[in-house]
Amino acid sequence: VYLTRYSPSISLIDEIVSQRHGNPACAYYI
């Protein structure tokens, strides 16, 4: 239930982290 609720946020973070090995489409700040 928890993982489903936050799935879009988790997937977004995973996508951003995966980009570090290539040429990121954006710069990301927190």
Full PDB file with SEQRES, HELIX, SHEET, SSBOND, CRYST1, ORIGX, SCALE, CONECT and MASTER records, all heavy atoms in Angstrom:
SEQRES   1 A   30  VAL TYR LEU THR ARG TYR SER PRO SER ILE SER LEU ILE          
SEQRES   2 A   30  ASP GLU ILE VAL SER GLN ARG HIS GLY ASN PRO ALA CYS          
SEQRES   3 A   30  ALA TYR TYR ILE                                              
HELIX    1 AA1 TYR A    2  ARG A    5  1                                   4    
HELIX    2 AA2 SER A    7  SER A   18  1                                  12    
HELIX    3 AA3 GLN A   19  HIS A   21  5                                   3    
CRYST1    1.000    1.000    1.000  90.00  90.00  90.00 P 1           1          
ORIGX1      1.000000  0.000000  0.000000        0.00000                         
ORIGX2      0.000000  1.000000  0.000000        0.00000                         
ORIGX3      0.000000  0.000000  1.000000        0.00000                         
SCALE1      1.000000  0.000000  0.000000        0.00000                         
SCALE2      0.000000  1.000000  0.000000        0.00000                         
SCALE3      0.000000  0.000000  1.000000        0.00000                         
ATOM      1  N   VAL A   1       0.841  -1.200   0.000  1.00  0.00           N  
ATOM      2  CA  VAL A   1       0.000   0.000   0.000  1.00  0.00           C  
ATOM      3  C   VAL A   1       0.877   1.251   0.000  1.00  0.00           C  
ATOM      4  O   VAL A   1       0.636   2.203  -0.751  1.00  0.00           O  
ATOM      5  CB  VAL A   1      -0.955   0.008   1.209  1.00  0.00           C  
ATOM      6  CG1 VAL A   1      -1.578   1.388   1.396  1.00  0.00           C  
ATOM      7  CG2 VAL A   1      -2.047  -1.037   1.035  1.00  0.00           C  
ATOM      8  N   TYR A   2       1.912   1.241   0.833  1.00  0.00           N  
ATOM      9  CA  TYR A   2       2.821   2.388   0.895  1.00  0.00           C  
ATOM     10  C   TYR A   2       3.555   2.583  -0.430  1.00  0.00           C  
ATOM     11  O   TYR A   2       3.651   3.698  -0.948  1.00  0.00           O  
ATOM     12  CB  TYR A   2       3.841   2.178   2.019  1.00  0.00           C  
ATOM     13  CG  TYR A   2       3.526   2.950   3.264  1.00  0.00           C  
ATOM     14  CD1 TYR A   2       2.437   2.592   4.068  1.00  0.00           C  
ATOM     15  CD2 TYR A   2       4.286   4.034   3.649  1.00  0.00           C  
ATOM     16  CE1 TYR A   2       2.138   3.296   5.208  1.00  0.00           C  
ATOM     17  CE2 TYR A   2       3.990   4.749   4.793  1.00  0.00           C  
ATOM     18  CZ  TYR A   2       2.918   4.378   5.574  1.00  0.00           C  
ATOM     19  OH  TYR A   2       2.604   5.086   6.694  1.00  0.00           O  
ATOM     20  N   LEU A   3       4.101   1.497  -0.972  1.00  0.00           N  
ATOM     21  CA  LEU A   3       4.868   1.597  -2.209  1.00  0.00           C  
ATOM     22  C   LEU A   3       3.989   2.067  -3.364  1.00  0.00           C  
ATOM     23  O   LEU A   3       4.420   2.859  -4.209  1.00  0.00           O  
ATOM     24  CB  LEU A   3       5.503   0.247  -2.544  1.00  0.00           C  
ATOM     25  CG  LEU A   3       6.630  -0.202  -1.611  1.00  0.00           C  
ATOM     26  CD1 LEU A   3       7.145  -1.579  -2.033  1.00  0.00           C  
ATOM     27  CD2 LEU A   3       7.782   0.803  -1.602  1.00  0.00           C  
ATOM     28  N   THR A   4       2.741   1.602  -3.399  1.00  0.00           N  
ATOM     29  CA  THR A   4       1.824   2.023  -4.448  1.00  0.00           C  
ATOM     30  C   THR A   4       1.498   3.510  -4.316  1.00  0.00           C  
ATOM     31  O   THR A   4       1.455   4.249  -5.312  1.00  0.00           O  
ATOM     32  CB  THR A   4       0.528   1.201  -4.392  1.00  0.00           C  
ATOM     33  OG1 THR A   4       0.847  -0.189  -4.580  1.00  0.00           O  
ATOM     34  CG2 THR A   4      -0.451   1.651  -5.464  1.00  0.00           C  
ATOM     35  N   ARG A   5       1.273   3.946  -3.082  1.00  0.00           N  
ATOM     36  CA  ARG A   5       0.931   5.345  -2.840  1.00  0.00           C  
ATOM     37  C   ARG A   5       2.026   6.289  -3.311  1.00  0.00           C  
ATOM     38  O   ARG A   5       1.755   7.353  -3.875  1.00  0.00           O  
ATOM     39  CB  ARG A   5       0.677   5.555  -1.344  1.00  0.00           C  
ATOM     40  CG  ARG A   5       0.326   6.989  -0.962  1.00  0.00           C  
ATOM     41  CD  ARG A   5       0.119   7.117   0.517  1.00  0.00           C  
ATOM     42  NE  ARG A   5      -0.203   8.478   0.905  1.00  0.00           N  
ATOM     43  CZ  ARG A   5      -0.302   8.896   2.165  1.00  0.00           C  
ATOM     44  NH1 ARG A   5      -0.139   8.041   3.157  1.00  0.00           N  
ATOM     45  NH2 ARG A   5      -0.587  10.153   2.431  1.00  0.00           N  
ATOM     46  N   TYR A   6       3.272   5.896  -3.106  1.00  0.00           N  
ATOM     47  CA  TYR A   6       4.392   6.777  -3.442  1.00  0.00           C  
ATOM     48  C   TYR A   6       5.122   6.350  -4.712  1.00  0.00           C  
ATOM     49  O   TYR A   6       6.208   6.857  -4.999  1.00  0.00           O  
ATOM     50  CB  TYR A   6       5.374   6.836  -2.272  1.00  0.00           C  
ATOM     51  CG  TYR A   6       4.781   7.509  -1.051  1.00  0.00           C  
ATOM     52  CD1 TYR A   6       4.362   6.764   0.048  1.00  0.00           C  
ATOM     53  CD2 TYR A   6       4.612   8.890  -1.013  1.00  0.00           C  
ATOM     54  CE1 TYR A   6       3.792   7.383   1.158  1.00  0.00           C  
ATOM     55  CE2 TYR A   6       4.046   9.511   0.087  1.00  0.00           C  
ATOM     56  CZ  TYR A   6       3.645   8.750   1.167  1.00  0.00           C  
ATOM     57  OH  TYR A   6       3.074   9.366   2.258  1.00  0.00           O  
ATOM     58  N   SER A   7       4.521   5.456  -5.463  1.00  0.00           N  
ATOM     59  CA  SER A   7       5.173   4.929  -6.659  1.00  0.00           C  
ATOM     60  C   SER A   7       5.612   6.012  -7.642  1.00  0.00           C  
ATOM     61  O   SER A   7       6.749   5.973  -8.142  1.00  0.00           O  
ATOM     62  CB  SER A   7       4.242   3.935  -7.356  1.00  0.00           C  
ATOM     63  OG  SER A   7       4.810   3.469  -8.558  1.00  0.00           O  
ATOM     64  N   PRO A   8       4.774   7.024  -7.956  1.00  0.00           N  
ATOM     65  CA  PRO A   8       5.233   8.059  -8.899  1.00  0.00           C  
ATOM     66  C   PRO A   8       6.463   8.814  -8.397  1.00  0.00           C  
ATOM     67  O   PRO A   8       7.379   9.116  -9.178  1.00  0.00           O  
ATOM     68  CB  PRO A   8       4.016   8.988  -9.015  1.00  0.00           C  
ATOM     69  CG  PRO A   8       2.843   8.129  -8.662  1.00  0.00           C  
ATOM     70  CD  PRO A   8       3.352   7.210  -7.590  1.00  0.00           C  
ATOM     71  N   SER A   9       6.506   9.110  -7.087  1.00  0.00           N  
ATOM     72  CA  SER A   9       7.650   9.830  -6.519  1.00  0.00           C  
ATOM     73  C   SER A   9       8.907   8.967  -6.569  1.00  0.00           C  
ATOM     74  O   SER A   9       9.995   9.444  -6.924  1.00  0.00           O  
ATOM     75  CB  SER A   9       7.356  10.234  -5.071  1.00  0.00           C  
ATOM     76  OG  SER A   9       6.238  11.091  -5.003  1.00  0.00           O  
ATOM     77  N   ILE A  10       8.767   7.679  -6.219  1.00  0.00           N  
ATOM     78  CA  ILE A  10       9.906   6.764  -6.243  1.00  0.00           C  
ATOM     79  C   ILE A  10      10.438   6.617  -7.660  1.00  0.00           C  
ATOM     80  O   ILE A  10      11.655   6.662  -7.898  1.00  0.00           O  
ATOM     81  CB  ILE A  10       9.497   5.390  -5.667  1.00  0.00           C  
ATOM     82  CG1 ILE A  10       9.164   5.515  -4.179  1.00  0.00           C  
ATOM     83  CG2 ILE A  10      10.609   4.369  -5.881  1.00  0.00           C  
ATOM     84  CD1 ILE A  10       8.525   4.276  -3.579  1.00  0.00           C  
ATOM     85  N   SER A  11       9.530   6.463  -8.618  1.00  0.00           N  
ATOM     86  CA  SER A  11       9.945   6.297 -10.012  1.00  0.00           C  
ATOM     87  C   SER A  11      10.625   7.556 -10.539  1.00  0.00           C  
ATOM     88  O   SER A  11      11.588   7.473 -11.319  1.00  0.00           O  
ATOM     89  CB  SER A  11       8.734   5.952 -10.881  1.00  0.00           C  
ATOM     90  OG  SER A  11       8.166   4.711 -10.480  1.00  0.00           O  
ATOM     91  N   LEU A  12      10.143   8.721 -10.126  1.00  0.00           N  
ATOM     92  CA  LEU A  12      10.767   9.978 -10.547  1.00  0.00           C  
ATOM     93  C   LEU A  12      12.195  10.066 -10.029  1.00  0.00           C  
ATOM     94  O   LEU A  12      13.119  10.418 -10.773  1.00  0.00           O  
ATOM     95  CB  LEU A  12       9.952  11.168 -10.039  1.00  0.00           C  
ATOM     96  CG  LEU A  12      10.537  12.564 -10.302  1.00  0.00           C  
ATOM     97  CD1 LEU A  12      10.691  12.811 -11.800  1.00  0.00           C  
ATOM     98  CD2 LEU A  12       9.665  13.634  -9.656  1.00  0.00           C  
ATOM     99  N   ILE A  13      12.386   9.737  -8.766  1.00  0.00           N  
ATOM    100  CA  ILE A  13      13.731   9.772  -8.196  1.00  0.00           C  
ATOM    101  C   ILE A  13      14.636   8.772  -8.896  1.00  0.00           C  
ATOM    102  O   ILE A  13      15.788   9.080  -9.231  1.00  0.00           O  
ATOM    103  CB  ILE A  13      13.684   9.492  -6.684  1.00  0.00           C  
ATOM    104  CG1 ILE A  13      12.927  10.610  -5.958  1.00  0.00           C  
ATOM    105  CG2 ILE A  13      15.104   9.358  -6.116  1.00  0.00           C  
ATOM    106  CD1 ILE A  13      12.670  10.342  -4.499  1.00  0.00           C  
ATOM    107  N   ASP A  14      14.143   7.556  -9.139  1.00  0.00           N  
ATOM    108  CA  ASP A  14      14.940   6.540  -9.822  1.00  0.00           C  
ATOM    109  C   ASP A  14      15.354   7.014 -11.213  1.00  0.00           C  
ATOM    110  O   ASP A  14      16.485   6.791 -11.655  1.00  0.00           O  
ATOM    111  CB  ASP A  14      14.146   5.235  -9.932  1.00  0.00           C  
ATOM    112  CG  ASP A  14      14.068   4.480  -8.616  1.00  0.00           C  
ATOM    113  OD1 ASP A  14      14.885   4.777  -7.721  1.00  0.00           O  
ATOM    114  OD2 ASP A  14      13.199   3.597  -8.479  1.00  0.00           O  
ATOM    115  N   GLU A  15      14.440   7.690 -11.917  1.00  0.00           N  
ATOM    116  CA  GLU A  15      14.745   8.191 -13.253  1.00  0.00           C  
ATOM    117  C   GLU A  15      15.841   9.251 -13.191  1.00  0.00           C  
ATOM    118  O   GLU A  15      16.761   9.263 -14.017  1.00  0.00           O  
ATOM    119  CB  GLU A  15      13.481   8.783 -13.881  1.00  0.00           C  
ATOM    120  CG  GLU A  15      13.683   9.419 -15.240  1.00  0.00           C  
ATOM    121  CD  GLU A  15      13.981   8.410 -16.328  1.00  0.00           C  
ATOM    122  OE1 GLU A  15      13.703   7.205 -16.125  1.00  0.00           O  
ATOM    123  OE2 GLU A  15      14.504   8.821 -17.384  1.00  0.00           O  
ATOM    124  N   ILE A  16      15.767  10.120 -12.204  1.00  0.00           N  
ATOM    125  CA  ILE A  16      16.772  11.178 -12.060  1.00  0.00           C  
ATOM    126  C   ILE A  16      18.141  10.591 -11.731  1.00  0.00           C  
ATOM    127  O   ILE A  16      19.162  10.975 -12.313  1.00  0.00           O  
ATOM    128  CB  ILE A  16      16.338  12.181 -10.978  1.00  0.00           C  
ATOM    129  CG1 ILE A  16      15.151  13.011 -11.499  1.00  0.00           C  
ATOM    130  CG2 ILE A  16      17.485  13.102 -10.573  1.00  0.00           C  
ATOM    131  CD1 ILE A  16      14.510  13.888 -10.456  1.00  0.00           C  
ATOM    132  N   VAL A  17      18.161   9.638 -10.805  1.00  0.00           N  
ATOM    133  CA  VAL A  17      19.426   9.012 -10.422  1.00  0.00           C  
ATOM    134  C   VAL A  17      20.036   8.270 -11.607  1.00  0.00           C  
ATOM    135  O   VAL A  17      21.255   8.302 -11.825  1.00  0.00           O  
ATOM    136  CB  VAL A  17      19.216   8.058  -9.227  1.00  0.00           C  
ATOM    137  CG1 VAL A  17      20.472   7.230  -8.964  1.00  0.00           C  
ATOM    138  CG2 VAL A  17      18.845   8.849  -7.982  1.00  0.00           C  
ATOM    139  N   SER A  18      19.201   7.622 -12.410  1.00  0.00           N  
ATOM    140  CA  SER A  18      19.717   6.863 -13.550  1.00  0.00           C  
ATOM    141  C   SER A  18      20.361   7.764 -14.595  1.00  0.00           C  
ATOM    142  O   SER A  18      21.230   7.332 -15.347  1.00  0.00           O  
ATOM    143  CB  SER A  18      18.585   6.043 -14.185  1.00  0.00           C  
ATOM    144  OG  SER A  18      17.663   6.883 -14.863  1.00  0.00           O  
ATOM    145  N   GLN A  19      19.952   9.032 -14.636  1.00  0.00           N  
ATOM    146  CA  GLN A  19      20.481   9.948 -15.645  1.00  0.00           C  
ATOM    147  C   GLN A  19      21.903  10.398 -15.352  1.00  0.00           C  
ATOM    148  O   GLN A  19      22.562  10.938 -16.222  1.00  0.00           O  
ATOM    149  CB  GLN A  19      19.589  11.188 -15.752  1.00  0.00           C  
ATOM    150  CG  GLN A  19      18.262  10.932 -16.415  1.00  0.00           C  
ATOM    151  CD  GLN A  19      17.528  12.232 -16.705  1.00  0.00           C  
ATOM    152  OE1 GLN A  19      18.073  13.318 -16.504  1.00  0.00           O  
ATOM    153  NE2 GLN A  19      16.312  12.126 -17.173  1.00  0.00           N  
ATOM    154  N   ARG A  20      22.357  10.179 -14.138  1.00  0.00           N  
ATOM    155  CA  ARG A  20      23.690  10.692 -13.788  1.00  0.00           C  
ATOM    156  C   ARG A  20      24.798  10.022 -14.594  1.00  0.00           C  
ATOM    157  O   ARG A  20      25.903  10.533 -14.681  1.00  0.00           O  
ATOM    158  CB  ARG A  20      23.947  10.496 -12.296  1.00  0.00           C  
ATOM    159  CG  ARG A  20      24.130   9.048 -11.892  1.00  0.00           C  
ATOM    160  CD  ARG A  20      24.542   8.938 -10.435  1.00  0.00           C  
ATOM    161  NE  ARG A  20      24.724   7.537 -10.087  1.00  0.00           N  
ATOM    162  CZ  ARG A  20      24.153   6.949  -9.061  1.00  0.00           C  
ATOM    163  NH1 ARG A  20      23.349   7.641  -8.286  1.00  0.00           N  
ATOM    164  NH2 ARG A  20      24.378   5.677  -8.794  1.00  0.00           N  
ATOM    165  N   HIS A  21      24.496   8.851 -15.176  1.00  0.00           N  
ATOM    166  CA  HIS A  21      25.504   8.128 -15.952  1.00  0.00           C  
ATOM    167  C   HIS A  21      25.556   8.601 -17.400  1.00  0.00           C  
ATOM    168  O   HIS A  21      26.441   8.213 -18.146  1.00  0.00           O  
ATOM    169  CB  HIS A  21      25.213   6.623 -15.910  1.00  0.00           C  
ATOM    170  CG  HIS A  21      25.221   6.060 -14.516  1.00  0.00           C  
ATOM    171  ND1 HIS A  21      26.326   6.092 -13.708  1.00  0.00           N  
ATOM    172  CD2 HIS A  21      24.222   5.467 -13.792  1.00  0.00           C  
ATOM    173  CE1 HIS A  21      26.041   5.534 -12.542  1.00  0.00           C  
ATOM    174  NE2 HIS A  21      24.773   5.154 -12.562  1.00  0.00           N  
ATOM    175  N   GLY A  22      24.605   9.429 -17.807  1.00  0.00           N  
ATOM    176  CA  GLY A  22      24.596   9.936 -19.167  1.00  0.00           C  
ATOM    177  C   GLY A  22      24.603  11.434 -19.186  1.00  0.00           C  
ATOM    178  O   GLY A  22      25.281  12.091 -18.385  1.00  0.00           O  
ATOM    179  N   ASN A  23      23.844  12.004 -20.094  1.00  0.00           N  
ATOM    180  CA  ASN A  23      23.703  13.459 -20.174  1.00  0.00           C  
ATOM    181  C   ASN A  23      22.321  13.828 -19.653  1.00  0.00           C  
ATOM    182  O   ASN A  23      21.331  13.664 -20.377  1.00  0.00           O  
ATOM    183  CB  ASN A  23      23.871  13.939 -21.622  1.00  0.00           C  
ATOM    184  CG  ASN A  23      25.278  13.697 -22.149  1.00  0.00           C  
ATOM    185  OD1 ASN A  23      26.239  13.974 -21.445  1.00  0.00           O  
ATOM    186  ND2 ASN A  23      25.377  13.193 -23.364  1.00  0.00           N  
ATOM    187  N   PRO A  24      22.226  14.295 -18.419  1.00  0.00           N  
ATOM    188  CA  PRO A  24      20.917  14.602 -17.834  1.00  0.00           C  
ATOM    189  C   PRO A  24      20.131  15.598 -18.668  1.00  0.00           C  
ATOM    190  O   PRO A  24      20.695  16.537 -19.231  1.00  0.00           O  
ATOM    191  CB  PRO A  24      21.276  15.191 -16.461  1.00  0.00           C  
ATOM    192  CG  PRO A  24      22.653  14.693 -16.178  1.00  0.00           C  
ATOM    193  CD  PRO A  24      23.331  14.606 -17.506  1.00  0.00           C  
ATOM    194  N   ALA A  25      18.819  15.380 -18.749  1.00  0.00           N  
ATOM    195  CA  ALA A  25      17.960  16.302 -19.486  1.00  0.00           C  
ATOM    196  C   ALA A  25      17.811  17.618 -18.739  1.00  0.00           C  
ATOM    197  O   ALA A  25      17.520  18.642 -19.337  1.00  0.00           O  
ATOM    198  CB  ALA A  25      16.588  15.667 -19.718  1.00  0.00           C  
ATOM    199  N   CYS A  26      18.011  17.585 -17.415  1.00  0.00           N  
ATOM    200  CA  CYS A  26      17.814  18.768 -16.586  1.00  0.00           C  
ATOM    201  C   CYS A  26      18.868  18.770 -15.483  1.00  0.00           C  
ATOM    202  O   CYS A  26      19.593  17.817 -15.296  1.00  0.00           O  
ATOM    203  CB  CYS A  26      16.431  18.746 -15.925  1.00  0.00           C  
ATOM    204  SG  CYS A  26      15.059  18.411 -17.014  1.00  0.00           S  
ATOM    205  N   ALA A  27      18.894  19.866 -14.748  1.00  0.00           N  
ATOM    206  CA  ALA A  27      19.640  19.899 -13.494  1.00  0.00           C  
ATOM    207  C   ALA A  27      18.604  19.816 -12.372  1.00  0.00           C  
ATOM    208  O   ALA A  27      17.517  20.379 -12.484  1.00  0.00           O  
ATOM    209  CB  ALA A  27      20.457  21.186 -13.384  1.00  0.00           C  
ATOM    210  N   TYR A  28      18.935  19.115 -11.296  1.00  0.00           N  
ATOM    211  CA  TYR A  28      17.964  18.836 -10.247  1.00  0.00           C  
ATOM    212  C   TYR A  28      18.459  19.361  -8.908  1.00  0.00           C  
ATOM    213  O   TYR A  28      19.602  19.136  -8.532  1.00  0.00           O  
ATOM    214  CB  TYR A  28      17.721  17.326 -10.145  1.00  0.00           C  
ATOM    215  CG  TYR A  28      17.400  16.693 -11.470  1.00  0.00           C  
ATOM    216  CD1 TYR A  28      18.393  16.070 -12.216  1.00  0.00           C  
ATOM    217  CD2 TYR A  28      16.112  16.752 -11.977  1.00  0.00           C  
ATOM    218  CE1 TYR A  28      18.106  15.512 -13.440  1.00  0.00           C  
ATOM    219  CE2 TYR A  28      15.817  16.181 -13.200  1.00  0.00           C  
ATOM    220  CZ  TYR A  28      16.812  15.566 -13.934  1.00  0.00           C  
ATOM    221  OH  TYR A  28      16.527  15.018 -15.142  1.00  0.00           O  
ATOM    222  N   TYR A  29      17.579  20.037  -8.188  1.00  0.00           N  
ATOM    223  CA  TYR A  29      17.924  20.612  -6.900  1.00  0.00           C  
ATOM    224  C   TYR A  29      16.942  20.167  -5.826  1.00  0.00           C  
ATOM    225  O   TYR A  29      15.768  19.946  -6.106  1.00  0.00           O  
ATOM    226  CB  TYR A  29      17.901  22.146  -6.963  1.00  0.00           C  
ATOM    227  CG  TYR A  29      18.954  22.748  -7.853  1.00  0.00           C  
ATOM    228  CD1 TYR A  29      18.643  23.134  -9.154  1.00  0.00           C  
ATOM    229  CD2 TYR A  29      20.247  22.926  -7.400  1.00  0.00           C  
ATOM    230  CE1 TYR A  29      19.607  23.693  -9.972  1.00  0.00           C  
ATOM    231  CE2 TYR A  29      21.216  23.487  -8.216  1.00  0.00           C  
ATOM    232  CZ  TYR A  29      20.893  23.863  -9.500  1.00  0.00           C  
ATOM    233  OH  TYR A  29      21.851  24.405 -10.306  1.00  0.00           O  
ATOM    234  N   ILE A  30      17.430  20.061  -4.619  1.00  0.00           N  
ATOM    235  CA  ILE A  30      16.569  19.802  -3.472  1.00  0.00           C  
ATOM    236  C   ILE A  30      16.996  20.705  -2.323  1.00  0.00           C  
ATOM    237  O   ILE A  30      18.187  20.957  -2.133  1.00  0.00           O  
ATOM    238  CB  ILE A  30      16.603  18.321  -3.039  1.00  0.00           C  
ATOM    239  CG1 ILE A  30      15.538  18.058  -1.973  1.00  0.00           C  
ATOM    240  CG2 ILE A  30      17.978  17.906  -2.568  1.00  0.00           C  
ATOM    241  CD1 ILE A  30      15.257  16.591  -1.743  1.00  0.00           C  
TER     242      ILE A  30                                                      
MASTER        0    0    0    3    0    0    0    6  241    1    0    3          
END                                                                             
